Amino acid sequence: MSNLNGRLHKLERQYAREAEAAEERTLTAPEIAERRALERASYSEKLELWRYHEAEDEAAYLKLWEEVLHREAPTLAADVRVHRDLLWRELSALEEQWDEEGRRHSTSYSDPAYWNLRNAEVNRMHALQLGLTEVIEDEAEVMRIIETVINSDTTVTEIWHIVGRT
């Protein structure tokens, strides 16, 4: 009878591995990396992530999630870092608003503020992904930077310096 139980346990483990492998085949590579990162996270990290999620503390959640994800997928963690940055989020939101207003169809001569904004948004994202700059969470600093960026007298070189891509 013990031999039969041993074989049943072996078949159950094999079935569980096959079911997990079949499920992973339906996931994208980022989803698999996220799942593995969460599996590797400590119990206290998982608990903190859950607490931040329940408290709707997005800043703390994203900061810890970036740290956990970095161990498994540094590139995905860099994307989380970008989304943590208040400056990038504000630049992106303003760009989207101006796109809806039709400013995308302008030229750098007819609407330099729009093209400065686009330049700043893309370069801020790259600077954050490459770790060239720190995340900004101060609203006053973000507003000051945006005012400088959309000033039509601001040069491309100045924008690169402002957003951290020197």
Protein backbone atom coordinates (compact mmCIF):
# COMPACT_ATOMS: atom_id res chain seq x y z
CA MET A 1 0.00 0.00 0.00
CA SER A 2 2.86 2.45 0.79
CA ASN A 3 4.27 1.80 -2.69
CA LEU A 4 0.92 2.85 -4.19
CA ASN A 5 0.84 6.04 -2.06
CA GLY A 6 4.37 6.89 -3.17
CA ARG A 7 3.43 6.50 -6.83
CA LEU A 8 0.28 8.61 -6.33
CA HIS A 9 2.30 11.43 -4.71
CA LYS A 10 4.81 11.27 -7.55
CA LEU A 11 2.00 11.52 -10.14
CA GLU A 12 0.40 14.42 -8.23
CA ARG A 13 3.69 16.35 -8.19
CA GLN A 14 4.22 15.66 -11.88
CA TYR A 15 0.68 16.81 -12.69
CA ALA A 16 1.19 20.00 -10.65
CA ARG A 17 4.46 20.78 -12.50
CA GLU A 18 2.80 20.17 -15.88
CA ALA A 19 -0.20 22.33 -14.95
CA GLU A 20 2.11 25.14 -13.85
CA ALA A 21 4.14 24.85 -17.06
CA ALA A 22 0.95 24.92 -19.15
CA GLU A 23 -0.24 28.03 -17.33
CA GLU A 24 3.13 29.75 -17.84
CA ARG A 25 2.90 29.13 -21.58
CA THR A 26 -0.13 31.45 -21.68
CA LEU A 27 1.70 34.26 -19.86
CA THR A 28 3.86 36.94 -21.42
CA ALA A 29 7.52 37.21 -20.47
CA PRO A 30 6.90 40.24 -18.22
CA GLU A 31 4.07 38.40 -16.45
CA ILE A 32 6.34 35.41 -15.84
CA ALA A 33 9.10 37.69 -14.50
CA GLU A 34 6.64 39.48 -12.22
CA ARG A 35 5.33 36.17 -10.90
CA ARG A 36 8.85 34.89 -10.24
CA ALA A 37 9.83 38.14 -8.53
CA LEU A 38 6.84 37.86 -6.24
CA GLU A 39 7.69 34.22 -5.50
CA ARG A 40 11.24 35.26 -4.55
CA ALA A 41 10.04 38.10 -2.32
CA SER A 42 10.23 37.58 1.40
CA TYR A 43 7.09 37.13 3.44
CA SER A 44 7.50 40.60 4.96
CA GLU A 45 7.86 42.18 1.49
CA LYS A 46 4.70 40.45 0.30
CA LEU A 47 2.88 41.61 3.41
CA GLU A 48 4.07 45.21 2.93
CA LEU A 49 3.03 45.17 -0.73
CA TRP A 50 -0.42 44.00 0.31
CA ARG A 51 -0.64 46.68 3.02
CA TYR A 52 0.39 49.45 0.62
CA HIS A 53 -2.11 48.20 -1.93
CA GLU A 54 -4.93 48.13 0.63
CA ALA A 55 -3.99 51.60 1.91
CA GLU A 56 -3.81 52.86 -1.69
CA ASP A 57 -0.31 54.20 -1.01
CA GLU A 58 0.86 54.06 -4.61
CA ALA A 59 4.23 55.74 -4.00
CA ALA A 60 5.28 53.29 -1.28
CA TYR A 61 3.86 50.32 -3.21
CA LEU A 62 5.75 51.19 -6.41
CA LYS A 63 9.00 51.83 -4.52
CA LEU A 64 8.90 48.40 -2.84
CA TRP A 65 7.65 46.69 -6.03
CA GLU A 66 10.58 48.20 -7.94
CA GLU A 67 12.99 46.77 -5.35
CA VAL A 68 11.38 43.30 -5.44
CA LEU A 69 11.13 43.25 -9.23
CA HIS A 70 14.72 44.40 -9.70
CA ARG A 71 16.03 41.06 -8.36
CA GLU A 72 14.29 39.15 -11.16
CA ALA A 73 13.88 41.67 -14.00
CA PRO A 74 15.91 44.90 -13.81
CA THR A 75 14.43 46.20 -17.06
CA LEU A 76 10.87 45.88 -15.75
CA ALA A 77 11.97 47.48 -12.48
CA ALA A 78 13.29 50.42 -14.50
CA ASP A 79 9.82 50.85 -16.02
CA VAL A 80 8.32 50.91 -12.52
CA ARG A 81 10.92 53.53 -11.58
CA VAL A 82 9.72 55.72 -14.46
CA HIS A 83 6.12 55.47 -13.27
CA ARG A 84 7.19 56.41 -9.74
CA ASP A 85 8.61 59.71 -11.00
CA LEU A 86 6.17 62.60 -10.57
CA LEU A 87 8.00 64.73 -13.14
CA TRP A 88 7.69 62.08 -15.86
CA ARG A 89 4.01 61.50 -15.02
CA GLU A 90 3.24 65.22 -15.24
CA LEU A 91 5.20 65.66 -18.47
CA SER A 92 3.41 62.65 -19.96
CA ALA A 93 -0.03 63.88 -18.86
CA LEU A 94 0.60 67.36 -20.25
CA GLU A 95 1.86 65.91 -23.52
CA GLU A 96 -1.29 63.78 -23.81
CA GLN A 97 -3.47 66.83 -23.12
CA TRP A 98 -1.65 68.89 -25.73
CA ASP A 99 -1.86 66.01 -28.23
CA GLU A 100 -5.65 66.01 -27.80
CA GLU A 101 -5.62 69.74 -28.52
CA GLY A 102 -3.91 69.02 -31.85
CA ARG A 103 -0.55 70.51 -30.98
CA ARG A 104 1.19 67.37 -32.29
CA HIS A 105 0.69 68.68 -35.80
CA SER A 106 2.82 71.75 -35.16
CA THR A 107 6.49 72.24 -35.91
CA SER A 108 9.33 73.01 -33.54
CA TYR A 109 9.28 76.57 -34.92
CA SER A 110 5.54 77.17 -34.63
CA ASP A 111 5.16 75.55 -31.16
CA PRO A 112 8.52 75.21 -29.42
CA ALA A 113 6.87 74.68 -26.01
CA TYR A 114 5.18 71.48 -27.22
CA TRP A 115 8.35 70.08 -28.76
CA ASN A 116 10.38 70.98 -25.67
CA LEU A 117 7.82 69.07 -23.62
CA ARG A 118 8.05 66.00 -25.87
CA ASN A 119 11.83 66.12 -25.74
CA ALA A 120 11.78 66.41 -21.93
CA GLU A 121 9.29 63.54 -21.49
CA VAL A 122 11.28 61.07 -23.60
CA ASN A 123 14.64 62.06 -22.17
CA ARG A 124 13.33 61.96 -18.59
CA MET A 125 12.11 58.41 -19.19
CA HIS A 126 15.48 57.31 -20.58
CA ALA A 127 17.44 59.02 -17.78
CA LEU A 128 15.32 57.20 -15.18
CA GLN A 129 15.60 53.84 -16.93
CA LEU A 130 19.37 54.17 -17.15
CA GLY A 131 19.64 55.28 -13.53
CA LEU A 132 21.16 58.65 -14.47
CA THR A 133 18.82 60.60 -12.18
CA GLU A 134 16.77 60.21 -9.04
CA VAL A 135 12.98 59.97 -8.84
CA ILE A 136 11.31 63.32 -8.12
CA GLU A 137 8.26 63.32 -5.86
CA ASP A 138 8.12 67.01 -4.85
CA GLU A 139 5.23 68.79 -6.60
CA ALA A 140 6.72 72.29 -6.29
CA GLU A 141 9.96 71.15 -7.92
CA VAL A 142 8.02 69.42 -10.70
CA MET A 143 5.99 72.55 -11.47
CA ARG A 144 9.18 74.67 -11.53
CA ILE A 145 10.84 72.24 -13.95
CA ILE A 146 7.80 72.08 -16.24
CA GLU A 147 7.62 75.88 -16.41
CA THR A 148 11.27 75.95 -17.44
CA VAL A 149 10.82 73.17 -19.99
CA ILE A 150 7.85 74.73 -21.77
CA ASN A 151 9.55 78.12 -21.98
CA SER A 152 10.19 78.59 -25.68
CA ASP A 153 13.64 80.05 -24.96
CA THR A 154 14.85 76.83 -23.31
CA THR A 155 17.31 74.94 -25.52
CA VAL A 156 17.50 71.20 -26.09
CA THR A 157 20.80 71.03 -24.19
CA GLU A 158 19.23 72.81 -21.24
CA ILE A 159 16.29 70.39 -21.29
CA TRP A 160 18.66 67.41 -21.24
CA HIS A 161 20.41 68.89 -18.23
CA ILE A 162 17.11 69.70 -16.47
CA VAL A 163 15.66 66.20 -16.87
CA GLY A 164 18.88 64.46 -15.87
CA ARG A 165 20.26 63.34 -19.21
CA THR A 166 23.50 65.32 -19.29
